[in-house]
Every structure is written in C-alpha cells, then in structure tokens.
C-alpha atoms as a PDB file:
ATOM      1  CA  MET A   1    -123.980  17.526-118.952  1.00  0.00           C
ATOM      2  CA  ALA A   2    -124.818  17.526-122.640  1.00  0.00           C
ATOM      3  CA  ILE A   3    -126.421  20.515-124.331  1.00  0.00           C
ATOM      4  CA  SER A   4    -128.368  20.887-127.555  1.00  0.00           C
ATOM      5  CA  THR A   5    -127.285  22.962-130.537  1.00  0.00           C
ATOM      6  CA  TYR A   6    -130.547  24.870-130.047  1.00  0.00           C
ATOM      7  CA  GLN A   7    -129.861  28.508-129.153  1.00  0.00           C
ATOM      8  CA  SER A   8    -126.435  28.754-130.812  1.00  0.00           C
ATOM      9  CA  TYR A   9    -125.620  32.216-132.145  1.00  0.00           C
ATOM     10  CA  PHE A  10    -122.996  33.856-134.380  1.00  0.00           C
ATOM     11  CA  MET A  11    -122.095  37.164-132.770  1.00  0.00           C
ATOM     12  CA  GLN A  12    -120.114  40.225-133.857  1.00  0.00           C
ATOM     13  CA  GLY A  13    -118.327  42.440-131.357  1.00  0.00           C
ATOM     14  CA  THR A  14    -118.023  46.184-131.910  1.00  0.00           C
ATOM     15  CA  GLY A  15    -116.331  48.997-130.034  1.00  0.00           C
ATOM     16  CA  THR A  16    -113.036  49.275-128.210  1.00  0.00           C
ATOM     17  CA  GLY A  17    -112.137  47.973-124.782  1.00  0.00           C
ATOM     18  CA  THR A  18    -115.247  46.151-123.620  1.00  0.00           C
ATOM     19  CA  LEU A  19    -116.978  45.016-126.818  1.00  0.00           C
ATOM     20  CA  THR A  20    -120.697  45.261-127.452  1.00  0.00           C
ATOM     21  CA  TRP A  21    -121.980  41.995-128.930  1.00  0.00           C
ATOM     22  CA  ALA A  22    -124.892  41.562-131.353  1.00  0.00           C
ATOM     23  CA  LYS A  23    -126.166  38.558-133.300  1.00  0.00           C
ATOM     24  CA  LEU A  24    -124.964  38.847-136.899  1.00  0.00           C
ATOM     25  CA  PHE A  25    -126.817  35.922-138.489  1.00  0.00           C
ATOM     26  CA  ASP A  26    -128.703  32.694-137.819  1.00  0.00           C
ATOM     27  CA  PHE A  27    -127.070  29.533-139.129  1.00  0.00           C
ATOM     28  CA  LYS A  28    -128.211  26.018-139.966  1.00  0.00           C
ATOM     29  CA  THR A  29    -124.812  24.352-139.584  1.00  0.00           C
ATOM     30  CA  ASP A  30    -121.635  25.536-137.921  1.00  0.00           C
ATOM     31  CA  PRO A  31    -118.059  24.235-138.089  1.00  0.00           C
ATOM     32  CA  ASP A  32    -115.765  22.814-135.456  1.00  0.00           C
ATOM     33  CA  LEU A  33    -114.408  25.718-133.413  1.00  0.00           C
ATOM     34  CA  GLY A  34    -110.981  24.155-133.001  1.00  0.00           C
ATOM     35  CA  ALA A  35    -108.696  21.623-134.642  1.00  0.00           C
ATOM     36  CA  ALA A  36    -105.986  19.163-133.739  1.00  0.00           C
ATOM     37  CA  PRO A  37    -102.434  20.519-133.843  1.00  0.00           C
ATOM     38  CA  GLU A  38    -100.088  19.421-136.587  1.00  0.00           C
ATOM     39  CA  GLN A  39     -97.681  16.645-135.648  1.00  0.00           C
ATOM     40  CA  LEU A  40     -93.982  17.399-135.920  1.00  0.00           C
ATOM     41  CA  GLU A  41     -91.952  14.258-136.431  1.00  0.00           C
ATOM     42  CA  THR A  42     -89.021  13.770-134.057  1.00  0.00           C
ATOM     43  CA  THR A  43     -88.122  10.184-135.003  1.00  0.00           C
ATOM     44  CA  THR A  44     -84.456   9.265-134.860  1.00  0.00           C
ATOM     45  CA  GLN A  45     -82.731   6.201-136.248  1.00  0.00           C
ATOM     46  CA  SER A  46     -82.662   4.641-132.790  1.00  0.00           C
ATOM     47  CA  ASP A  47     -86.432   4.937-132.208  1.00  0.00           C
ATOM     48  CA  PRO A  48     -88.417   1.708-132.669  1.00  0.00           C
ATOM     49  CA  ALA A  49     -91.449   3.714-133.893  1.00  0.00           C
ATOM     50  CA  HIS A  50     -92.222   7.191-135.182  1.00  0.00           C
ATOM     51  CA  THR A  51     -92.294   9.886-132.484  1.00  0.00           C
ATOM     52  CA  TYR A  52     -93.934  13.316-132.586  1.00  0.00           C
ATOM     53  CA  ILE A  53     -94.428  16.547-130.703  1.00  0.00           C
ATOM     54  CA  PRO A  54     -97.392  18.873-131.161  1.00  0.00           C
ATOM     55  CA  GLY A  55     -96.995  21.728-133.622  1.00  0.00           C
ATOM     56  CA  LEU A  56     -99.262  24.617-134.521  1.00  0.00           C
ATOM     57  CA  GLU A  57    -103.010  24.228-134.270  1.00  0.00           C
ATOM     58  CA  ALA A  58    -104.636  24.203-137.679  1.00  0.00           C
ATOM     59  CA  ASN A  59    -106.471  27.458-138.353  1.00  0.00           C
ATOM     60  CA  GLU A  60    -108.705  26.395-141.221  1.00  0.00           C
ATOM     61  CA  GLN A  61    -111.505  28.475-142.650  1.00  0.00           C
ATOM     62  CA  LYS A  62    -114.851  28.009-140.947  1.00  0.00           C
ATOM     63  CA  ASN A  63    -117.973  27.550-143.096  1.00  0.00           C
ATOM     64  CA  TYR A  64    -121.492  28.306-141.879  1.00  0.00           C
ATOM     65  CA  THR A  65    -124.604  27.280-143.821  1.00  0.00           C
ATOM     66  CA  LEU A  66    -127.521  29.746-143.721  1.00  0.00           C
ATOM     67  CA  ASN A  67    -130.910  30.052-145.367  1.00  0.00           C
ATOM     68  CA  TYR A  68    -130.493  32.550-148.205  1.00  0.00           C
ATOM     69  CA  ASP A  69    -131.774  36.012-147.294  1.00  0.00           C
ATOM     70  CA  ALA A  70    -130.909  38.986-149.525  1.00  0.00           C
ATOM     71  CA  THR A  71    -130.646  41.436-146.609  1.00  0.00           C
ATOM     72  CA  VAL A  72    -128.345  39.164-144.583  1.00  0.00           C
ATOM     73  CA  TYR A  73    -126.295  38.413-147.706  1.00  0.00           C
ATOM     74  CA  ASP A  74    -125.800  42.147-148.378  1.00  0.00           C
ATOM     75  CA  SER A  75    -124.904  42.895-144.746  1.00  0.00           C
ATOM     76  CA  ILE A  76    -122.220  40.179-144.705  1.00  0.00           C
ATOM     77  CA  LYS A  77    -120.825  41.247-148.104  1.00  0.00           C
ATOM     78  CA  ALA A  78    -120.523  44.799-146.719  1.00  0.00           C
ATOM     79  CA  LEU A  79    -118.132  43.454-144.032  1.00  0.00           C
ATOM     80  CA  LYS A  80    -115.785  41.769-146.523  1.00  0.00           C
ATOM     81  CA  GLY A  81    -112.150  42.772-146.039  1.00  0.00           C
ATOM     82  CA  GLN A  82    -112.612  43.923-142.437  1.00  0.00           C
ATOM     83  CA  GLU A  83    -111.056  42.045-139.534  1.00  0.00           C
ATOM     84  CA  LEU A  84    -113.920  41.424-137.103  1.00  0.00           C
ATOM     85  CA  ASP A  85    -114.309  40.317-133.516  1.00  0.00           C
ATOM     86  CA  VAL A  86    -116.549  37.261-133.790  1.00  0.00           C
ATOM     87  CA  ALA A  87    -117.975  34.685-131.422  1.00  0.00           C
ATOM     88  CA  GLU A  88    -120.307  31.774-131.067  1.00  0.00           C
ATOM     89  CA  TRP A  89    -122.519  31.928-128.026  1.00  0.00           C
ATOM     90  CA  PHE A  90    -124.440  28.952-126.656  1.00  0.00           C
ATOM     91  CA  GLY A  91    -127.588  29.761-124.703  1.00  0.00           C
ATOM     92  CA  ALA A  92    -130.232  32.461-124.380  1.00  0.00           C
ATOM     93  CA  ASN A  93    -132.100  34.147-121.551  1.00  0.00           C
ATOM     94  CA  SER A  94    -135.792  33.651-120.801  1.00  0.00           C
ATOM     95  CA  SER A  95    -136.656  36.319-123.426  1.00  0.00           C
ATOM     96  CA  GLY A  96    -134.783  34.371-126.107  1.00  0.00           C
ATOM     97  CA  GLU A  97    -131.915  36.882-126.322  1.00  0.00           C
ATOM     98  CA  PRO A  98    -128.409  35.398-126.708  1.00  0.00           C
ATOM     99  CA  ASP A  99    -126.527  35.420-123.403  1.00  0.00           C
ATOM    100  CA  GLY A 100    -123.952  32.641-123.845  1.00  0.00           C
ATOM    101  CA  HIS A 101    -124.632  31.077-120.464  1.00  0.00           C
ATOM    102  CA  ASN A 102    -123.593  27.667-121.888  1.00  0.00           C
ATOM    103  CA  GLY A 103    -120.352  29.006-123.373  1.00  0.00           C
ATOM    104  CA  LYS A 104    -118.849  31.849-125.380  1.00  0.00           C
ATOM    105  CA  PHE A 105    -116.090  31.181-127.897  1.00  0.00           C
ATOM    106  CA  VAL A 106    -114.408  34.317-129.256  1.00  0.00           C
ATOM    107  CA  GLY A 107    -111.948  34.926-132.104  1.00  0.00           C
ATOM    108  CA  LYS A 108    -111.099  37.281-134.952  1.00  0.00           C
ATOM    109  CA  GLY A 109    -111.469  36.876-138.676  1.00  0.00           C
ATOM    110  CA  TYR A 110    -112.696  37.980-142.082  1.00  0.00           C
ATOM    111  CA  LEU A 111    -116.123  37.129-143.503  1.00  0.00           C
ATOM    112  CA  ASP A 112    -117.300  36.462-147.033  1.00  0.00           C
ATOM    113  CA  VAL A 113    -120.487  34.899-148.349  1.00  0.00           C
ATOM    114  CA  TYR A 114    -121.691  33.097-151.462  1.00  0.00           C
ATOM    115  CA  VAL A 115    -124.980  31.593-152.642  1.00  0.00           C
ATOM    116  CA  ASN A 116    -125.162  27.813-152.933  1.00  0.00           C
ATOM    117  CA  GLY A 117    -126.552  25.886-155.870  1.00  0.00           C
ATOM    118  CA  GLY A 118    -129.741  23.944-155.308  1.00  0.00           C
ATOM    119  CA  ASP A 119    -132.165  21.303-156.509  1.00  0.00           C
ATOM    120  CA  ALA A 120    -135.827  21.581-157.477  1.00  0.00           C
ATOM    121  CA  ASN A 121    -138.158  22.317-154.564  1.00  0.00           C
ATOM    122  CA  THR A 122    -135.454  22.871-151.916  1.00  0.00           C
ATOM    123  CA  VAL A 123    -134.504  25.755-149.670  1.00  0.00           C
ATOM    124  CA  ARG A 124    -131.936  28.154-151.159  1.00  0.00           C
ATOM    125  CA  ASN A 125    -128.832  28.288-148.962  1.00  0.00           C
ATOM    126  CA  MET A 126    -125.769  30.451-148.708  1.00  0.00           C
ATOM    127  CA  THR A 127    -122.394  29.803-147.106  1.00  0.00           C
ATOM    128  CA  VAL A 128    -120.584  32.277-144.894  1.00  0.00           C
ATOM    129  CA  VAL A 129    -116.818  31.730-144.910  1.00  0.00           C
ATOM    130  CA  LEU A 130    -114.867  32.873-141.866  1.00  0.00           C
ATOM    131  CA  THR A 131    -111.117  33.130-142.441  1.00  0.00           C
ATOM    132  CA  MET A 132    -109.646  33.110-138.948  1.00  0.00           C
ATOM    133  CA  SER A 133    -106.903  35.545-137.968  1.00  0.00           C
ATOM    134  CA  GLN A 134    -107.154  34.520-134.297  1.00  0.00           C
ATOM    135  CA  LEU A 135    -108.354  31.110-133.125  1.00  0.00           C
ATOM    136  CA  PHE A 136    -111.588  30.662-131.219  1.00  0.00           C
ATOM    137  CA  VAL A 137    -110.976  30.462-127.474  1.00  0.00           C
ATOM    138  CA  LYS A 138    -113.458  29.966-124.661  1.00  0.00           C
ATOM    139  CA  ALA A 139    -114.215  33.303-123.011  1.00  0.00           C
ATOM    140  CA  THR A 140    -114.068  33.466-119.237  1.00  0.00           C
ATOM    141  CA  THR A 141    -117.125  35.723-118.858  1.00  0.00           C
END
C-alpha cells in the first residue's frame, strides 16, 4: 500500500531509557533516510567481469528544507554541537498529533541550520543539516 508524504514529522527524543518524543520542526522536503552501501571490488585476474561485495552504508548528511521562521531557526541553532536522538515519523492520530503509525525511523546526529538565498516574491527558506552519527533504522514500536 502506498502512503502520502502528508503527515511526516521530524521528531526529537529526550530523556534516558524510554525516550519522550516531540516534533522539532515542520519541513517542506526531506532526504532519503538510507543509502546504498559502497561496493568493494573483489575482481581477480581470472574473473571475466568485475566482482564486488557490499561495504559500509553511506552515512551522508541529511538536508531538510523548511520555511524560514526566526523562532525555529534559533531553537535549532541552540542545539548545535549536541548529539541528538532524532526520528522521522509517518502518520498522525485523529487529533493530528504525530503517532508514527505508518512508520518510525530513528537515528542519532547533530543539527545545524542556515538561511537560503531567494528570488523576488518567493518564500524565504532555511536548510537544516543533520550530520548522522547513527544511521536511521525502522523502529519496531
């Protein structure tokens, strides 16, 4: 079954043990939550074609595009340098509160933010950069 990107949320976990999750910001675009592994070449001189085995999964930075909001900008800047528990949740309850019933992908990383340039008569955007220290994985709950 396909799902829409509607009701996708960037969440921050706080606490120890069982984390408490809260929406950190709304985004317009989000990145891929995974990546293909690197290919490690294993070709020998007797192979008729190149051969490979999978290597490490790429752990590239993740960029989120947001509408510029001074309060959100300041709150993200205040988190710079801190390793955070982060997640993307897909789905909300009947009250519109994030519940992740269509999937929860959790990881760890460091946030930063910058304001994007713009053109005349357009919406001002900002980009949140997530440098991953632990890959996103699908949560079981």
